[in-house]
PDB file of all heavy atoms in Angstrom:
ATOM      1  N   GLU A   1      -0.107 144.023 209.651  1.00  0.00           N
ATOM      2  CA  GLU A   1      -0.260 142.574 209.602  1.00  0.00           C
ATOM      3  C   GLU A   1      -0.321 142.086 208.156  1.00  0.00           C
ATOM      4  O   GLU A   1      -1.035 142.635 207.313  1.00  0.00           O
ATOM      5  CB  GLU A   1      -1.539 142.173 210.350  1.00  0.00           C
ATOM      6  CG  GLU A   1      -1.840 140.694 210.371  1.00  0.00           C
ATOM      7  CD  GLU A   1      -0.989 139.933 211.387  1.00  0.00           C
ATOM      8  OE1 GLU A   1      -0.241 140.576 212.143  1.00  0.00           O
ATOM      9  OE2 GLU A   1      -1.094 138.694 211.420  1.00  0.00           O
ATOM     10  N   GLY A   2       0.457 141.032 207.867  1.00  0.00           N
ATOM     11  CA  GLY A   2       0.416 140.397 206.557  1.00  0.00           C
ATOM     12  C   GLY A   2       1.336 140.986 205.501  1.00  0.00           C
ATOM     13  O   GLY A   2       1.437 140.446 204.404  1.00  0.00           O
ATOM     14  N   TYR A   3       2.018 142.082 205.829  1.00  0.00           N
ATOM     15  CA  TYR A   3       2.882 142.732 204.843  1.00  0.00           C
ATOM     16  C   TYR A   3       4.313 142.209 204.956  1.00  0.00           C
ATOM     17  O   TYR A   3       4.767 141.770 206.002  1.00  0.00           O
ATOM     18  CB  TYR A   3       2.871 144.251 205.044  1.00  0.00           C
ATOM     19  CG  TYR A   3       1.659 144.927 204.457  1.00  0.00           C
ATOM     20  CD1 TYR A   3       0.414 144.841 205.091  1.00  0.00           C
ATOM     21  CD2 TYR A   3       1.740 145.648 203.271  1.00  0.00           C
ATOM     22  CE1 TYR A   3      -0.710 145.459 204.551  1.00  0.00           C
ATOM     23  CE2 TYR A   3       0.628 146.271 202.732  1.00  0.00           C
ATOM     24  CZ  TYR A   3      -0.591 146.174 203.378  1.00  0.00           C
ATOM     25  OH  TYR A   3      -1.699 146.774 202.845  1.00  0.00           O
ATOM     26  N   TYR A   4       5.037 142.297 203.817  1.00  0.00           N
ATOM     27  CA  TYR A   4       6.454 141.939 203.797  1.00  0.00           C
ATOM     28  C   TYR A   4       7.287 143.096 204.344  1.00  0.00           C
ATOM     29  O   TYR A   4       6.963 144.257 204.146  1.00  0.00           O
ATOM     30  CB  TYR A   4       6.912 141.642 202.368  1.00  0.00           C
ATOM     31  CG  TYR A   4       6.291 140.408 201.781  1.00  0.00           C
ATOM     32  CD1 TYR A   4       5.326 140.501 200.786  1.00  0.00           C
ATOM     33  CD2 TYR A   4       6.672 139.135 202.213  1.00  0.00           C
ATOM     34  CE1 TYR A   4       4.747 139.367 200.239  1.00  0.00           C
ATOM     35  CE2 TYR A   4       6.096 137.995 201.680  1.00  0.00           C
ATOM     36  CZ  TYR A   4       5.130 138.114 200.686  1.00  0.00           C
ATOM     37  OH  TYR A   4       4.569 136.997 200.155  1.00  0.00           O
ATOM     38  N   PHE A   5       8.381 142.747 205.018  1.00  0.00           N
ATOM     39  CA  PHE A   5       9.257 143.786 205.551  1.00  0.00           C
ATOM     40  C   PHE A   5      10.605 143.172 205.896  1.00  0.00           C
ATOM     41  O   PHE A   5      10.761 141.953 205.979  1.00  0.00           O
ATOM     42  CB  PHE A   5       8.634 144.435 206.787  1.00  0.00           C
ATOM     43  CG  PHE A   5       8.667 143.573 208.024  1.00  0.00           C
ATOM     44  CD1 PHE A   5       9.524 143.864 209.079  1.00  0.00           C
ATOM     45  CD2 PHE A   5       7.851 142.448 208.143  1.00  0.00           C
ATOM     46  CE1 PHE A   5       9.562 143.084 210.214  1.00  0.00           C
ATOM     47  CE2 PHE A   5       7.882 141.669 209.271  1.00  0.00           C
ATOM     48  CZ  PHE A   5       8.731 141.980 210.312  1.00  0.00           C
ATOM     49  N   THR A   6      11.596 144.038 206.095  1.00  0.00           N
ATOM     50  CA  THR A   6      12.911 143.624 206.576  1.00  0.00           C
ATOM     51  C   THR A   6      12.997 143.983 208.046  1.00  0.00           C
ATOM     52  O   THR A   6      12.970 145.162 208.394  1.00  0.00           O
ATOM     53  CB  THR A   6      14.031 144.327 205.792  1.00  0.00           C
ATOM     54  OG1 THR A   6      13.944 143.952 204.417  1.00  0.00           O
ATOM     55  CG2 THR A   6      15.396 143.932 206.333  1.00  0.00           C
ATOM     56  N   PRO A   7      13.090 142.994 208.934  1.00  0.00           N
ATOM     57  CA  PRO A   7      13.084 143.292 210.374  1.00  0.00           C
ATOM     58  C   PRO A   7      14.394 143.908 210.828  1.00  0.00           C
ATOM     59  O   PRO A   7      15.425 143.827 210.157  1.00  0.00           O
ATOM     60  CB  PRO A   7      12.875 141.918 211.011  1.00  0.00           C
ATOM     61  CG  PRO A   7      13.406 140.953 210.008  1.00  0.00           C
ATOM     62  CD  PRO A   7      13.153 141.555 208.659  1.00  0.00           C
ATOM     63  N   LYS A   8      14.332 144.548 212.000  1.00  0.00           N
ATOM     64  CA  LYS A   8      15.551 145.059 212.608  1.00  0.00           C
ATOM     65  C   LYS A   8      16.513 143.906 212.870  1.00  0.00           C
ATOM     66  O   LYS A   8      16.113 142.816 213.255  1.00  0.00           O
ATOM     67  CB  LYS A   8      15.232 145.756 213.932  1.00  0.00           C
ATOM     68  CG  LYS A   8      14.621 147.131 213.790  1.00  0.00           C
ATOM     69  CD  LYS A   8      14.471 147.767 215.160  1.00  0.00           C
ATOM     70  CE  LYS A   8      13.974 149.192 215.049  1.00  0.00           C
ATOM     71  NZ  LYS A   8      13.865 149.825 216.371  1.00  0.00           N
ATOM     72  N   GLY A   9      17.786 144.160 212.682  1.00  0.00           N
ATOM     73  CA  GLY A   9      18.780 143.118 212.892  1.00  0.00           C
ATOM     74  C   GLY A   9      20.028 143.428 212.098  1.00  0.00           C
ATOM     75  O   GLY A   9      20.260 144.566 211.674  1.00  0.00           O
ATOM     76  N   ASN A  10      20.839 142.404 211.851  1.00  0.00           N
ATOM     77  CA  ASN A  10      22.113 142.589 211.178  1.00  0.00           C
ATOM     78  C   ASN A  10      22.077 142.248 209.707  1.00  0.00           C
ATOM     79  O   ASN A  10      23.100 142.324 209.038  1.00  0.00           O
ATOM     80  CB  ASN A  10      23.183 141.730 211.873  1.00  0.00           C
ATOM     81  CG  ASN A  10      23.392 142.140 213.315  1.00  0.00           C
ATOM     82  OD1 ASN A  10      23.355 143.326 213.629  1.00  0.00           O
ATOM     83  ND2 ASN A  10      23.589 141.173 214.187  1.00  0.00           N
ATOM     84  N   ASP A  11      20.931 141.828 209.179  1.00  0.00           N
ATOM     85  CA  ASP A  11      20.864 141.398 207.785  1.00  0.00           C
ATOM     86  C   ASP A  11      19.794 142.180 207.038  1.00  0.00           C
ATOM     87  O   ASP A  11      18.601 141.897 207.158  1.00  0.00           O
ATOM     88  CB  ASP A  11      20.560 139.897 207.709  1.00  0.00           C
ATOM     89  CG  ASP A  11      20.762 139.347 206.301  1.00  0.00           C
ATOM     90  OD1 ASP A  11      20.937 140.162 205.371  1.00  0.00           O
ATOM     91  OD2 ASP A  11      20.742 138.117 206.145  1.00  0.00           O
ATOM     92  N   PRO A  12      20.195 143.183 206.236  1.00  0.00           N
ATOM     93  CA  PRO A  12      19.206 143.952 205.479  1.00  0.00           C
ATOM     94  C   PRO A  12      18.658 143.209 204.273  1.00  0.00           C
ATOM     95  O   PRO A  12      17.838 143.751 203.542  1.00  0.00           O
ATOM     96  CB  PRO A  12      19.998 145.190 205.042  1.00  0.00           C
ATOM     97  CG  PRO A  12      21.407 144.712 204.931  1.00  0.00           C
ATOM     98  CD  PRO A  12      21.572 143.674 206.010  1.00  0.00           C
ATOM     99  N   CYS A  13      19.117 141.974 204.044  1.00  0.00           N
ATOM    100  CA  CYS A  13      18.652 141.192 202.895  1.00  0.00           C
ATOM    101  C   CYS A  13      17.608 140.155 203.281  1.00  0.00           C
ATOM    102  O   CYS A  13      17.336 139.232 202.515  1.00  0.00           O
ATOM    103  CB  CYS A  13      19.840 140.521 202.209  1.00  0.00           C
ATOM    104  SG  CYS A  13      20.919 141.687 201.341  1.00  0.00           S
ATOM    105  N   LEU A  14      17.035 140.269 204.461  1.00  0.00           N
ATOM    106  CA  LEU A  14      15.941 139.385 204.856  1.00  0.00           C
ATOM    107  C   LEU A  14      14.605 140.025 204.489  1.00  0.00           C
ATOM    108  O   LEU A  14      14.413 141.227 204.667  1.00  0.00           O
ATOM    109  CB  LEU A  14      15.966 139.124 206.359  1.00  0.00           C
ATOM    110  CG  LEU A  14      17.006 138.146 206.898  1.00  0.00           C
ATOM    111  CD1 LEU A  14      16.905 138.070 208.413  1.00  0.00           C
ATOM    112  CD2 LEU A  14      16.823 136.774 206.290  1.00  0.00           C
ATOM    113  N   SER A  15      13.697 139.211 204.000  1.00  0.00           N
ATOM    114  CA  SER A  15      12.328 139.654 203.741  1.00  0.00           C
ATOM    115  C   SER A  15      11.401 138.698 204.471  1.00  0.00           C
ATOM    116  O   SER A  15      11.446 137.484 204.248  1.00  0.00           O
ATOM    117  CB  SER A  15      12.027 139.649 202.233  1.00  0.00           C
ATOM    118  OG  SER A  15      10.697 140.078 202.006  1.00  0.00           O
ATOM    119  N   CYS A  16      10.580 139.254 205.367  1.00  0.00           N
ATOM    120  CA  CYS A  16       9.714 138.439 206.214  1.00  0.00           C
ATOM    121  C   CYS A  16       8.265 138.903 206.076  1.00  0.00           C
ATOM    122  O   CYS A  16       7.987 139.999 205.583  1.00  0.00           O
ATOM    123  CB  CYS A  16      10.139 138.529 207.675  1.00  0.00           C
ATOM    124  SG  CYS A  16      11.860 138.100 207.995  1.00  0.00           S
ATOM    125  N   THR A  17       7.358 138.089 206.566  1.00  0.00           N
ATOM    126  CA  THR A  17       5.943 138.447 206.636  1.00  0.00           C
ATOM    127  C   THR A  17       5.592 138.775 208.080  1.00  0.00           C
ATOM    128  O   THR A  17       5.990 138.059 208.997  1.00  0.00           O
ATOM    129  CB  THR A  17       5.061 137.289 206.139  1.00  0.00           C
ATOM    130  OG1 THR A  17       5.428 136.964 204.802  1.00  0.00           O
ATOM    131  CG2 THR A  17       3.587 137.683 206.176  1.00  0.00           C
ATOM    132  N   CYS A  18       4.868 139.856 208.281  1.00  0.00           N
ATOM    133  CA  CYS A  18       4.441 140.244 209.625  1.00  0.00           C
ATOM    134  C   CYS A  18       3.219 139.421 210.024  1.00  0.00           C
ATOM    135  O   CYS A  18       2.190 139.457 209.347  1.00  0.00           O
ATOM    136  CB  CYS A  18       4.111 141.737 209.667  1.00  0.00           C
ATOM    137  SG  CYS A  18       3.563 142.311 211.295  1.00  0.00           S
ATOM    138  N   HIS A  19       3.331 138.684 211.134  1.00  0.00           N
ATOM    139  CA  HIS A  19       2.220 137.869 211.626  1.00  0.00           C
ATOM    140  C   HIS A  19       2.156 137.986 213.134  1.00  0.00           C
ATOM    141  O   HIS A  19       3.084 137.572 213.846  1.00  0.00           O
ATOM    142  CB  HIS A  19       2.407 136.408 211.213  1.00  0.00           C
ATOM    143  CG  HIS A  19       1.314 135.494 211.714  1.00  0.00           C
ATOM    144  ND1 HIS A  19      -0.003 135.624 211.319  1.00  0.00           N
ATOM    145  CD2 HIS A  19       1.344 134.463 212.600  1.00  0.00           C
ATOM    146  CE1 HIS A  19      -0.732 134.708 211.914  1.00  0.00           C
ATOM    147  NE2 HIS A  19       0.060 133.992 212.706  1.00  0.00           N
ATOM    148  N   ASN A  20       1.093 138.579 213.648  1.00  0.00           N
ATOM    149  CA  ASN A  20       0.905 138.759 215.095  1.00  0.00           C
ATOM    150  C   ASN A  20       2.092 139.467 215.740  1.00  0.00           C
ATOM    151  O   ASN A  20       2.543 139.098 216.824  1.00  0.00           O
ATOM    152  CB  ASN A  20       0.656 137.418 215.782  1.00  0.00           C
ATOM    153  CG  ASN A  20      -0.686 136.821 215.433  1.00  0.00           C
ATOM    154  OD1 ASN A  20      -1.626 137.528 215.070  1.00  0.00           O
ATOM    155  ND2 ASN A  20      -0.786 135.504 215.519  1.00  0.00           N
ATOM    156  N   GLY A  21       2.607 140.478 215.050  1.00  0.00           N
ATOM    157  CA  GLY A  21       3.707 141.247 215.598  1.00  0.00           C
ATOM    158  C   GLY A  21       5.055 140.561 215.523  1.00  0.00           C
ATOM    159  O   GLY A  21       6.022 141.022 216.117  1.00  0.00           O
ATOM    160  N   GLU A  22       5.148 139.451 214.796  1.00  0.00           N
ATOM    161  CA  GLU A  22       6.397 138.695 214.667  1.00  0.00           C
ATOM    162  C   GLU A  22       6.784 138.580 213.200  1.00  0.00           C
ATOM    163  O   GLU A  22       5.924 138.440 212.329  1.00  0.00           O
ATOM    164  CB  GLU A  22       6.216 137.284 215.226  1.00  0.00           C
ATOM    165  CG  GLU A  22       5.914 137.220 216.703  1.00  0.00           C
ATOM    166  CD  GLU A  22       7.167 137.036 217.516  1.00  0.00           C
ATOM    167  OE1 GLU A  22       8.249 137.379 217.007  1.00  0.00           O
ATOM    168  OE2 GLU A  22       7.058 136.551 218.643  1.00  0.00           O
ATOM    169  N   PRO A  23       8.098 138.607 212.891  1.00  0.00           N
ATOM    170  CA  PRO A  23       8.530 138.299 211.526  1.00  0.00           C
ATOM    171  C   PRO A  23       8.541 136.794 211.309  1.00  0.00           C
ATOM    172  O   PRO A  23       9.173 136.048 212.059  1.00  0.00           O
ATOM    173  CB  PRO A  23       9.950 138.891 211.472  1.00  0.00           C
ATOM    174  CG  PRO A  23      10.410 138.935 212.883  1.00  0.00           C
ATOM    175  CD  PRO A  23       9.196 139.034 213.759  1.00  0.00           C
ATOM    176  N   GLU A  24       7.816 136.334 210.302  1.00  0.00           N
ATOM    177  CA  GLU A  24       7.744 134.909 210.009  1.00  0.00           C
ATOM    178  C   GLU A  24       7.969 134.677 208.518  1.00  0.00           C
ATOM    179  O   GLU A  24       7.906 135.595 207.711  1.00  0.00           O
ATOM    180  CB  GLU A  24       6.389 134.332 210.430  1.00  0.00           C
ATOM    181  CG  GLU A  24       6.164 134.363 211.938  1.00  0.00           C
ATOM    182  CD  GLU A  24       4.910 133.635 212.367  1.00  0.00           C
ATOM    183  OE1 GLU A  24       4.153 133.206 211.461  1.00  0.00           O
ATOM    184  OE2 GLU A  24       4.701 133.476 213.576  1.00  0.00           O
ATOM    185  N   MET A  25       8.244 133.400 208.158  1.00  0.00           N
ATOM    186  CA  MET A  25       8.465 132.983 206.764  1.00  0.00           C
ATOM    187  C   MET A  25       9.496 133.883 206.087  1.00  0.00           C
ATOM    188  O   MET A  25       9.237 134.496 205.052  1.00  0.00           O
ATOM    189  CB  MET A  25       7.145 132.984 205.982  1.00  0.00           C
ATOM    190  CG  MET A  25       6.126 131.991 206.516  1.00  0.00           C
ATOM    191  SD  MET A  25       4.602 131.940 205.569  1.00  0.00           S
ATOM    192  CE  MET A  25       3.903 133.518 205.994  1.00  0.00           C
ATOM    193  N   CYS A  26      10.668 133.973 206.707  1.00  0.00           N
ATOM    194  CA  CYS A  26      11.704 134.882 206.215  1.00  0.00           C
ATOM    195  C   CYS A  26      12.505 134.242 205.082  1.00  0.00           C
ATOM    196  O   CYS A  26      12.821 133.050 205.114  1.00  0.00           O
ATOM    197  CB  CYS A  26      12.643 135.277 207.351  1.00  0.00           C
ATOM    198  SG  CYS A  26      11.822 136.189 208.678  1.00  0.00           S
ATOM    199  N   VAL A  27      12.833 135.038 204.096  1.00  0.00           N
ATOM    200  CA  VAL A  27      13.643 134.616 202.952  1.00  0.00           C
ATOM    201  C   VAL A  27      14.829 135.561 202.856  1.00  0.00           C
ATOM    202  O   VAL A  27      14.683 136.777 203.005  1.00  0.00           O
ATOM    203  CB  VAL A  27      12.818 134.656 201.644  1.00  0.00           C
ATOM    204  CG1 VAL A  27      13.700 134.278 200.457  1.00  0.00           C
ATOM    205  CG2 VAL A  27      11.629 133.722 201.739  1.00  0.00           C
ATOM    206  N   ALA A  28      16.019 134.990 202.621  1.00  0.00           N
ATOM    207  CA  ALA A  28      17.227 135.797 202.523  1.00  0.00           C
ATOM    208  C   ALA A  28      17.680 135.915 201.073  1.00  0.00           C
ATOM    209  O   ALA A  28      17.608 134.949 200.317  1.00  0.00           O
ATOM    210  CB  ALA A  28      18.340 135.192 203.367  1.00  0.00           C
ATOM    211  N   ALA A  29      18.144 137.086 200.689  1.00  0.00           N
ATOM    212  CA  ALA A  29      18.740 137.299 199.372  1.00  0.00           C
ATOM    213  C   ALA A  29      20.257 137.185 199.489  1.00  0.00           C
ATOM    214  O   ALA A  29      20.845 137.547 200.498  1.00  0.00           O
ATOM    215  CB  ALA A  29      18.362 138.676 198.835  1.00  0.00           C
ATOM    216  N   LEU A  30      20.882 136.655 198.435  1.00  0.00           N
ATOM    217  CA  LEU A  30      22.338 136.580 198.362  1.00  0.00           C
ATOM    218  C   LEU A  30      22.811 137.609 197.342  1.00  0.00           C
ATOM    219  O   LEU A  30      22.269 137.692 196.245  1.00  0.00           O
ATOM    220  CB  LEU A  30      22.785 135.179 197.955  1.00  0.00           C
ATOM    221  CG  LEU A  30      22.369 134.053 198.908  1.00  0.00           C
ATOM    222  CD1 LEU A  30      22.869 132.712 198.393  1.00  0.00           C
ATOM    223  CD2 LEU A  30      22.901 134.304 200.300  1.00  0.00           C
ATOM    224  N   CYS A  31      23.823 138.371 197.715  1.00  0.00           N
ATOM    225  CA  CYS A  31      24.252 139.503 196.890  1.00  0.00           C
ATOM    226  C   CYS A  31      25.522 139.166 196.125  1.00  0.00           C
ATOM    227  O   CYS A  31      26.422 138.495 196.642  1.00  0.00           O
ATOM    228  CB  CYS A  31      24.515 140.736 197.768  1.00  0.00           C
ATOM    229  SG  CYS A  31      23.119 141.202 198.793  1.00  0.00           S
TER     230      CYS A  31
END
């Protein structure tokens, strides 16, 4: 809980915060 992570999916450039088992406040990087 509360840590940043990249959730499972098709975009490895997403960084989200874990909140109650959900990825929230996601930010995407452009390469």
